[in-house]
Amino acid sequence: MRVLAELPHPECKISIFGMNQKFIIKFEQGTLEQSYKLAEVDVVGGINGVFEMLDEPFIQQVLSIFTQMRGAIIETYNKYQ
């Protein structure tokens, strides 16, 4: 797996990898991580097409999912304390 690009964002780390004819888009926020895999042939324009897909509305959805993930793990953790 090789790093193709990293996109700056104030609320999370965004990395784009290439592996086995797939783009892997990884979002990281603290200890949480989300990954999305796209076949290279399905993305018009290659890596530039991936950049276009990562618009602010999509990133806001990703950040909302991070909030849900954090709440879920805290709730589960607190049940066993």
PDB file of N, CA and C in Angstrom:
ATOM      1  N   MET A   1       0.858  -1.167   0.000  1.00  0.00           N
ATOM      2  CA  MET A   1       0.000   0.000   0.000  1.00  0.00           C
ATOM      3  C   MET A   1       0.899   1.222   0.000  1.00  0.00           C
ATOM      4  N   ARG A   2       0.596   2.146  -0.892  1.00  0.00           N
ATOM      5  CA  ARG A   2       1.417   3.348  -0.954  1.00  0.00           C
ATOM      6  C   ARG A   2       0.553   4.588  -0.757  1.00  0.00           C
ATOM      7  N   VAL A   3       1.107   5.577  -0.110  1.00  0.00           N
ATOM      8  CA  VAL A   3       0.411   6.835   0.118  1.00  0.00           C
ATOM      9  C   VAL A   3       0.441   7.635  -1.182  1.00  0.00           C
ATOM     10  N   LEU A   4      -0.735   8.024  -1.653  1.00  0.00           N
ATOM     11  CA  LEU A   4      -0.827   8.835  -2.860  1.00  0.00           C
ATOM     12  C   LEU A   4      -0.968  10.311  -2.531  1.00  0.00           C
ATOM     13  N   ALA A   5      -1.674  10.597  -1.429  1.00  0.00           N
ATOM     14  CA  ALA A   5      -1.889  12.001  -1.064  1.00  0.00           C
ATOM     15  C   ALA A   5      -2.385  12.091   0.372  1.00  0.00           C
ATOM     16  N   GLU A   6      -2.166  13.240   0.956  1.00  0.00           N
ATOM     17  CA  GLU A   6      -2.756  13.584   2.240  1.00  0.00           C
ATOM     18  C   GLU A   6      -3.409  14.944   2.074  1.00  0.00           C
ATOM     19  N   LEU A   7      -4.635  15.044   2.551  1.00  0.00           N
ATOM     20  CA  LEU A   7      -5.367  16.292   2.425  1.00  0.00           C
ATOM     21  C   LEU A   7      -5.472  16.956   3.792  1.00  0.00           C
ATOM     22  N   PRO A   8      -5.107  18.207   3.882  1.00  0.00           N
ATOM     23  CA  PRO A   8      -5.201  18.883   5.176  1.00  0.00           C
ATOM     24  C   PRO A   8      -6.656  19.177   5.540  1.00  0.00           C
ATOM     25  N   HIS A   9      -6.992  18.939   6.789  1.00  0.00           N
ATOM     26  CA  HIS A   9      -8.312  19.301   7.313  1.00  0.00           C
ATOM     27  C   HIS A   9      -8.135  19.540   8.809  1.00  0.00           C
ATOM     28  N   PRO A  10      -8.767  20.576   9.344  1.00  0.00           N
ATOM     29  CA  PRO A  10      -8.546  20.909  10.760  1.00  0.00           C
ATOM     30  C   PRO A  10      -9.125  19.902  11.753  1.00  0.00           C
ATOM     31  N   GLU A  11     -10.087  19.072  11.332  1.00  0.00           N
ATOM     32  CA  GLU A  11     -10.755  18.192  12.284  1.00  0.00           C
ATOM     33  C   GLU A  11     -10.398  16.710  12.154  1.00  0.00           C
ATOM     34  N   CYS A  12      -9.684  16.342  11.099  1.00  0.00           N
ATOM     35  CA  CYS A  12      -9.301  14.945  10.948  1.00  0.00           C
ATOM     36  C   CYS A  12      -8.149  14.845   9.957  1.00  0.00           C
ATOM     37  N   LYS A  13      -7.479  13.710   9.992  1.00  0.00           N
ATOM     38  CA  LYS A  13      -6.415  13.432   9.033  1.00  0.00           C
ATOM     39  C   LYS A  13      -7.037  12.653   7.878  1.00  0.00           C
ATOM     40  N   ILE A  14      -6.741  13.075   6.653  1.00  0.00           N
ATOM     41  CA  ILE A  14      -7.268  12.409   5.467  1.00  0.00           C
ATOM     42  C   ILE A  14      -6.098  11.928   4.626  1.00  0.00           C
ATOM     43  N   SER A  15      -6.036  10.625   4.396  1.00  0.00           N
ATOM     44  CA  SER A  15      -4.979  10.023   3.580  1.00  0.00           C
ATOM     45  C   SER A  15      -5.614   9.219   2.462  1.00  0.00           C
ATOM     46  N   ILE A  16      -4.983   9.258   1.300  1.00  0.00           N
ATOM     47  CA  ILE A  16      -5.433   8.454   0.165  1.00  0.00           C
ATOM     48  C   ILE A  16      -4.306   7.509  -0.207  1.00  0.00           C
ATOM     49  N   PHE A  17      -4.629   6.220  -0.237  1.00  0.00           N
ATOM     50  CA  PHE A  17      -3.663   5.182  -0.546  1.00  0.00           C
ATOM     51  C   PHE A  17      -4.046   4.505  -1.852  1.00  0.00           C
ATOM     52  N   GLY A  18      -3.095   3.852  -2.472  1.00  0.00           N
ATOM     53  CA  GLY A  18      -3.342   3.025  -3.635  1.00  0.00           C
ATOM     54  C   GLY A  18      -2.876   1.612  -3.350  1.00  0.00           C
ATOM     55  N   MET A  19      -3.755   0.625  -3.652  1.00  0.00           N
ATOM     56  CA  MET A  19      -3.386  -0.767  -3.436  1.00  0.00           C
ATOM     57  C   MET A  19      -4.324  -1.664  -4.245  1.00  0.00           C
ATOM     58  N   ASN A  20      -3.757  -2.584  -5.011  1.00  0.00           N
ATOM     59  CA  ASN A  20      -4.532  -3.587  -5.756  1.00  0.00           C
ATOM     60  C   ASN A  20      -5.641  -2.959  -6.599  1.00  0.00           C
ATOM     61  N   GLN A  21      -5.304  -1.962  -7.375  1.00  0.00           N
ATOM     62  CA  GLN A  21      -6.246  -1.258  -8.248  1.00  0.00           C
ATOM     63  C   GLN A  21      -7.410  -0.631  -7.484  1.00  0.00           C
ATOM     64  N   LYS A  22      -7.153  -0.238  -6.237  1.00  0.00           N
ATOM     65  CA  LYS A  22      -8.162   0.435  -5.432  1.00  0.00           C
ATOM     66  C   LYS A  22      -7.572   1.704  -4.823  1.00  0.00           C
ATOM     67  N   PHE A  23      -8.438   2.699  -4.666  1.00  0.00           N
ATOM     68  CA  PHE A  23      -8.106   3.860  -3.855  1.00  0.00           C
ATOM     69  C   PHE A  23      -8.680   3.586  -2.471  1.00  0.00           C
ATOM     70  N   ILE A  24      -7.885   3.775  -1.445  1.00  0.00           N
ATOM     71  CA  ILE A  24      -8.345   3.631  -0.076  1.00  0.00           C
ATOM     72  C   ILE A  24      -8.262   5.016   0.554  1.00  0.00           C
ATOM     73  N   ILE A  25      -9.422   5.515   0.962  1.00  0.00           N
ATOM     74  CA  ILE A  25      -9.498   6.841   1.577  1.00  0.00           C
ATOM     75  C   ILE A  25      -9.664   6.622   3.071  1.00  0.00           C
ATOM     76  N   LYS A  26      -8.697   7.089   3.846  1.00  0.00           N
ATOM     77  CA  LYS A  26      -8.712   6.852   5.289  1.00  0.00           C
ATOM     78  C   LYS A  26      -8.837   8.180   6.021  1.00  0.00           C
ATOM     79  N   PHE A  27      -9.810   8.237   6.913  1.00  0.00           N
ATOM     80  CA  PHE A  27     -10.021   9.378   7.784  1.00  0.00           C
ATOM     81  C   PHE A  27      -9.654   8.955   9.200  1.00  0.00           C
ATOM     82  N   GLU A  28      -8.898   9.782   9.902  1.00  0.00           N
ATOM     83  CA  GLU A  28      -8.521   9.483  11.282  1.00  0.00           C
ATOM     84  C   GLU A  28      -8.835  10.682  12.165  1.00  0.00           C
ATOM     85  N   GLN A  29      -9.393  10.366  13.324  1.00  0.00           N
ATOM     86  CA  GLN A  29      -9.659  11.396  14.322  1.00  0.00           C
ATOM     87  C   GLN A  29      -9.385  10.763  15.683  1.00  0.00           C
ATOM     88  N   GLY A  30      -8.273  11.136  16.276  1.00  0.00           N
ATOM     89  CA  GLY A  30      -7.876  10.528  17.546  1.00  0.00           C
ATOM     90  C   GLY A  30      -7.663   9.040  17.361  1.00  0.00           C
ATOM     91  N   THR A  31      -8.357   8.244  18.169  1.00  0.00           N
ATOM     92  CA  THR A  31      -8.205   6.788  18.100  1.00  0.00           C
ATOM     93  C   THR A  31      -9.190   6.139  17.130  1.00  0.00           C
ATOM     94  N   LEU A  32     -10.011   6.941  16.477  1.00  0.00           N
ATOM     95  CA  LEU A  32     -11.016   6.415  15.563  1.00  0.00           C
ATOM     96  C   LEU A  32     -10.543   6.517  14.119  1.00  0.00           C
ATOM     97  N   GLU A  33     -11.040   5.597  13.294  1.00  0.00           N
ATOM     98  CA  GLU A  33     -10.625   5.541  11.901  1.00  0.00           C
ATOM     99  C   GLU A  33     -11.796   5.062  11.039  1.00  0.00           C
ATOM    100  N   GLN A  34     -11.937   5.681   9.861  1.00  0.00           N
ATOM    101  CA  GLN A  34     -12.899   5.235   8.856  1.00  0.00           C
ATOM    102  C   GLN A  34     -12.154   5.055   7.545  1.00  0.00           C
ATOM    103  N   SER A  35     -12.475   3.988   6.821  1.00  0.00           N
ATOM    104  CA  SER A  35     -11.846   3.745   5.525  1.00  0.00           C
ATOM    105  C   SER A  35     -12.911   3.478   4.478  1.00  0.00           C
ATOM    106  N   TYR A  36     -12.660   3.994   3.292  1.00  0.00           N
ATOM    107  CA  TYR A  36     -13.539   3.788   2.145  1.00  0.00           C
ATOM    108  C   TYR A  36     -12.676   3.292   1.000  1.00  0.00           C
ATOM    109  N   LYS A  37     -13.113   2.215   0.346  1.00  0.00           N
ATOM    110  CA  LYS A  37     -12.354   1.643  -0.773  1.00  0.00           C
ATOM    111  C   LYS A  37     -13.149   1.826  -2.054  1.00  0.00           C
ATOM    112  N   LEU A  38     -12.462   2.308  -3.072  1.00  0.00           N
ATOM    113  CA  LEU A  38     -13.072   2.515  -4.384  1.00  0.00           C
ATOM    114  C   LEU A  38     -12.184   1.881  -5.443  1.00  0.00           C
ATOM    115  N   ALA A  39     -12.784   1.140  -6.354  1.00  0.00           N
ATOM    116  CA  ALA A  39     -12.019   0.590  -7.469  1.00  0.00           C
ATOM    117  C   ALA A  39     -11.533   1.748  -8.337  1.00  0.00           C
ATOM    118  N   GLU A  40     -10.275   1.697  -8.738  1.00  0.00           N
ATOM    119  CA  GLU A  40      -9.714   2.771  -9.563  1.00  0.00           C
ATOM    120  C   GLU A  40     -10.518   2.971 -10.839  1.00  0.00           C
ATOM    121  N   VAL A  41     -11.026   1.891 -11.428  1.00  0.00           N
ATOM    122  CA  VAL A  41     -11.781   2.014 -12.685  1.00  0.00           C
ATOM    123  C   VAL A  41     -13.127   2.709 -12.491  1.00  0.00           C
ATOM    124  N   ASP A  42     -13.618   2.774 -11.245  1.00  0.00           N
ATOM    125  CA  ASP A  42     -14.901   3.419 -10.967  1.00  0.00           C
ATOM    126  C   ASP A  42     -14.775   4.914 -10.707  1.00  0.00           C
ATOM    127  N   VAL A  43     -13.543   5.412 -10.627  1.00  0.00           N
ATOM    128  CA  VAL A  43     -13.326   6.831 -10.322  1.00  0.00           C
ATOM    129  C   VAL A  43     -12.859   7.542 -11.587  1.00  0.00           C
ATOM    130  N   VAL A  44     -13.714   8.393 -12.111  1.00  0.00           N
ATOM    131  CA  VAL A  44     -13.375   9.159 -13.308  1.00  0.00           C
ATOM    132  C   VAL A  44     -12.308  10.186 -12.945  1.00  0.00           C
ATOM    133  N   GLY A  45     -11.219  10.200 -13.685  1.00  0.00           N
ATOM    134  CA  GLY A  45     -10.169  11.186 -13.445  1.00  0.00           C
ATOM    135  C   GLY A  45      -9.087  10.740 -12.483  1.00  0.00           C
ATOM    136  N   GLY A  46      -9.112   9.473 -12.080  1.00  0.00           N
ATOM    137  CA  GLY A  46      -8.064   8.964 -11.199  1.00  0.00           C
ATOM    138  C   GLY A  46      -8.035   9.677  -9.863  1.00  0.00           C
ATOM    139  N   ILE A  47      -6.848   9.969  -9.380  1.00  0.00           N
ATOM    140  CA  ILE A  47      -6.699  10.592  -8.056  1.00  0.00           C
ATOM    141  C   ILE A  47      -7.394  11.947  -8.006  1.00  0.00           C
ATOM    142  N   ASN A  48      -7.401  12.682  -9.108  1.00  0.00           N
ATOM    143  CA  ASN A  48      -8.105  13.969  -9.132  1.00  0.00           C
ATOM    144  C   ASN A  48      -9.608  13.777  -8.937  1.00  0.00           C
ATOM    145  N   GLY A  49     -10.131  12.676  -9.434  1.00  0.00           N
ATOM    146  CA  GLY A  49     -11.534  12.353  -9.212  1.00  0.00           C
ATOM    147  C   GLY A  49     -11.830  12.088  -7.748  1.00  0.00           C
ATOM    148  N   VAL A  50     -10.882  11.455  -7.065  1.00  0.00           N
ATOM    149  CA  VAL A  50     -11.038  11.226  -5.629  1.00  0.00           C
ATOM    150  C   VAL A  50     -11.062  12.570  -4.907  1.00  0.00           C
ATOM    151  N   PHE A  51     -10.171  13.484  -5.265  1.00  0.00           N
ATOM    152  CA  PHE A  51     -10.151  14.811  -4.646  1.00  0.00           C
ATOM    153  C   PHE A  51     -11.501  15.504  -4.801  1.00  0.00           C
ATOM    154  N   GLU A  52     -12.099  15.391  -5.981  1.00  0.00           N
ATOM    155  CA  GLU A  52     -13.389  16.031  -6.224  1.00  0.00           C
ATOM    156  C   GLU A  52     -14.488  15.417  -5.366  1.00  0.00           C
ATOM    157  N   MET A  53     -14.409  14.113  -5.133  1.00  0.00           N
ATOM    158  CA  MET A  53     -15.420  13.438  -4.318  1.00  0.00           C
ATOM    159  C   MET A  53     -15.361  13.876  -2.855  1.00  0.00           C
ATOM    160  N   LEU A  54     -14.192  14.245  -2.395  1.00  0.00           N
ATOM    161  CA  LEU A  54     -14.020  14.586  -0.987  1.00  0.00           C
ATOM    162  C   LEU A  54     -14.381  16.052  -0.743  1.00  0.00           C
ATOM    163  N   ASP A  55     -15.624  16.375  -1.042  1.00  0.00           N
ATOM    164  CA  ASP A  55     -16.066  17.755  -0.826  1.00  0.00           C
ATOM    165  C   ASP A  55     -16.480  17.942   0.635  1.00  0.00           C
ATOM    166  N   GLU A  56     -16.735  19.164   1.012  1.00  0.00           N
ATOM    167  CA  GLU A  56     -17.028  19.471   2.415  1.00  0.00           C
ATOM    168  C   GLU A  56     -18.307  18.795   2.919  1.00  0.00           C
ATOM    169  N   PRO A  57     -19.387  18.687   2.139  1.00  0.00           N
ATOM    170  CA  PRO A  57     -20.555  17.956   2.652  1.00  0.00           C
ATOM    171  C   PRO A  57     -20.234  16.493   2.995  1.00  0.00           C
ATOM    172  N   PHE A  58     -19.430  15.828   2.168  1.00  0.00           N
ATOM    173  CA  PHE A  58     -19.049  14.445   2.475  1.00  0.00           C
ATOM    174  C   PHE A  58     -18.195  14.397   3.744  1.00  0.00           C
ATOM    175  N   ILE A  59     -17.238  15.295   3.856  1.00  0.00           N
ATOM    176  CA  ILE A  59     -16.376  15.310   5.040  1.00  0.00           C
ATOM    177  C   ILE A  59     -17.205  15.580   6.300  1.00  0.00           C
ATOM    178  N   GLN A  60     -18.218  16.432   6.206  1.00  0.00           N
ATOM    179  CA  GLN A  60     -19.083  16.682   7.365  1.00  0.00           C
ATOM    180  C   GLN A  60     -19.842  15.422   7.764  1.00  0.00           C
ATOM    181  N   GLN A  61     -20.255  14.603   6.784  1.00  0.00           N
ATOM    182  CA  GLN A  61     -20.895  13.324   7.097  1.00  0.00           C
ATOM    183  C   GLN A  61     -19.919  12.398   7.821  1.00  0.00           C
ATOM    184  N   VAL A  62     -18.675  12.366   7.358  1.00  0.00           N
ATOM    185  CA  VAL A  62     -17.645  11.546   8.001  1.00  0.00           C
ATOM    186  C   VAL A  62     -17.452  11.999   9.444  1.00  0.00           C
ATOM    187  N   LEU A  63     -17.387  13.299   9.670  1.00  0.00           N
ATOM    188  CA  LEU A  63     -17.209  13.826  11.025  1.00  0.00           C
ATOM    189  C   LEU A  63     -18.401  13.475  11.910  1.00  0.00           C
ATOM    190  N   SER A  64     -19.599  13.487  11.349  1.00  0.00           N
ATOM    191  CA  SER A  64     -20.785  13.092  12.103  1.00  0.00           C
ATOM    192  C   SER A  64     -20.710  11.620  12.499  1.00  0.00           C
ATOM    193  N   ILE A  65     -20.219  10.790  11.609  1.00  0.00           N
ATOM    194  CA  ILE A  65     -20.052   9.365  11.925  1.00  0.00           C
ATOM    195  C   ILE A  65     -19.021   9.194  13.037  1.00  0.00           C
ATOM    196  N   PHE A  66     -17.957   9.991  13.023  1.00  0.00           N
ATOM    197  CA  PHE A  66     -16.980   9.940  14.122  1.00  0.00           C
ATOM    198  C   PHE A  66     -17.667  10.236  15.458  1.00  0.00           C
ATOM    199  N   THR A  67     -18.558  11.209  15.476  1.00  0.00           N
ATOM    200  CA  THR A  67     -19.283  11.542  16.704  1.00  0.00           C
ATOM    201  C   THR A  67     -20.107  10.353  17.175  1.00  0.00           C
ATOM    202  N   GLN A  68     -20.786   9.681  16.246  1.00  0.00           N
ATOM    203  CA  GLN A  68     -21.566   8.493  16.587  1.00  0.00           C
ATOM    204  C   GLN A  68     -20.674   7.368  17.087  1.00  0.00           C
ATOM    205  N   MET A  69     -19.545   7.166  16.429  1.00  0.00           N
ATOM    206  CA  MET A  69     -18.616   6.111  16.829  1.00  0.00           C
ATOM    207  C   MET A  69     -18.105   6.365  18.241  1.00  0.00           C
ATOM    208  N   ARG A  70     -17.721   7.616  18.502  1.00  0.00           N
ATOM    209  CA  ARG A  70     -17.194   7.960  19.820  1.00  0.00           C
ATOM    210  C   ARG A  70     -18.246   7.707  20.894  1.00  0.00           C
ATOM    211  N   GLY A  71     -19.490   8.117  20.625  1.00  0.00           N
ATOM    212  CA  GLY A  71     -20.575   7.891  21.583  1.00  0.00           C
ATOM    213  C   GLY A  71     -20.803   6.412  21.841  1.00  0.00           C
ATOM    214  N   ALA A  72     -20.746   5.599  20.790  1.00  0.00           N
ATOM    215  CA  ALA A  72     -20.968   4.162  20.932  1.00  0.00           C
ATOM    216  C   ALA A  72     -19.895   3.510  21.791  1.00  0.00           C
ATOM    217  N   ILE A  73     -18.633   3.857  21.547  1.00  0.00           N
ATOM    218  CA  ILE A  73     -17.565   3.213  22.318  1.00  0.00           C
ATOM    219  C   ILE A  73     -17.560   3.699  23.770  1.00  0.00           C
ATOM    220  N   ILE A  74     -17.880   4.960  23.985  1.00  0.00           N
ATOM    221  CA  ILE A  74     -17.953   5.469  25.374  1.00  0.00           C
ATOM    222  C   ILE A  74     -19.090   4.783  26.117  1.00  0.00           C
ATOM    223  N   GLU A  75     -20.246   4.645  25.471  1.00  0.00           N
ATOM    224  CA  GLU A  75     -21.372   3.974  26.097  1.00  0.00           C
ATOM    225  C   GLU A  75     -21.034   2.532  26.448  1.00  0.00           C
ATOM    226  N   THR A  76     -20.429   1.822  25.533  1.00  0.00           N
ATOM    227  CA  THR A  76     -20.049   0.430  25.780  1.00  0.00           C
ATOM    228  C   THR A  76     -19.003   0.343  26.874  1.00  0.00           C
ATOM    229  N   TYR A  77     -18.006   1.202  26.824  1.00  0.00           N
ATOM    230  CA  TYR A  77     -16.938   1.213  27.835  1.00  0.00           C
ATOM    231  C   TYR A  77     -17.528   1.451  29.222  1.00  0.00           C
ATOM    232  N   ASN A  78     -18.442   2.396  29.329  1.00  0.00           N
ATOM    233  CA  ASN A  78     -19.024   2.750  30.631  1.00  0.00           C
ATOM    234  C   ASN A  78     -19.872   1.615  31.226  1.00  0.00           C
ATOM    235  N   LYS A  79     -20.424   0.747  30.394  1.00  0.00           N
ATOM    236  CA  LYS A  79     -21.208  -0.391  30.896  1.00  0.00           C
ATOM    237  C   LYS A  79     -20.343  -1.355  31.690  1.00  0.00           C
ATOM    238  N   TYR A  80     -19.051  -1.393  31.382  1.00  0.00           N
ATOM    239  CA  TYR A  80     -18.167  -2.376  32.002  1.00  0.00           C
ATOM    240  C   TYR A  80     -17.234  -1.763  33.022  1.00  0.00           C
ATOM    241  N   GLN A  81     -17.547  -0.601  33.481  1.00  0.00           N
ATOM    242  CA  GLN A  81     -16.719   0.068  34.503  1.00  0.00           C
ATOM    243  C   GLN A  81     -17.351  -0.035  35.860  1.00  0.00           C
TER     244      GLN A  81
END
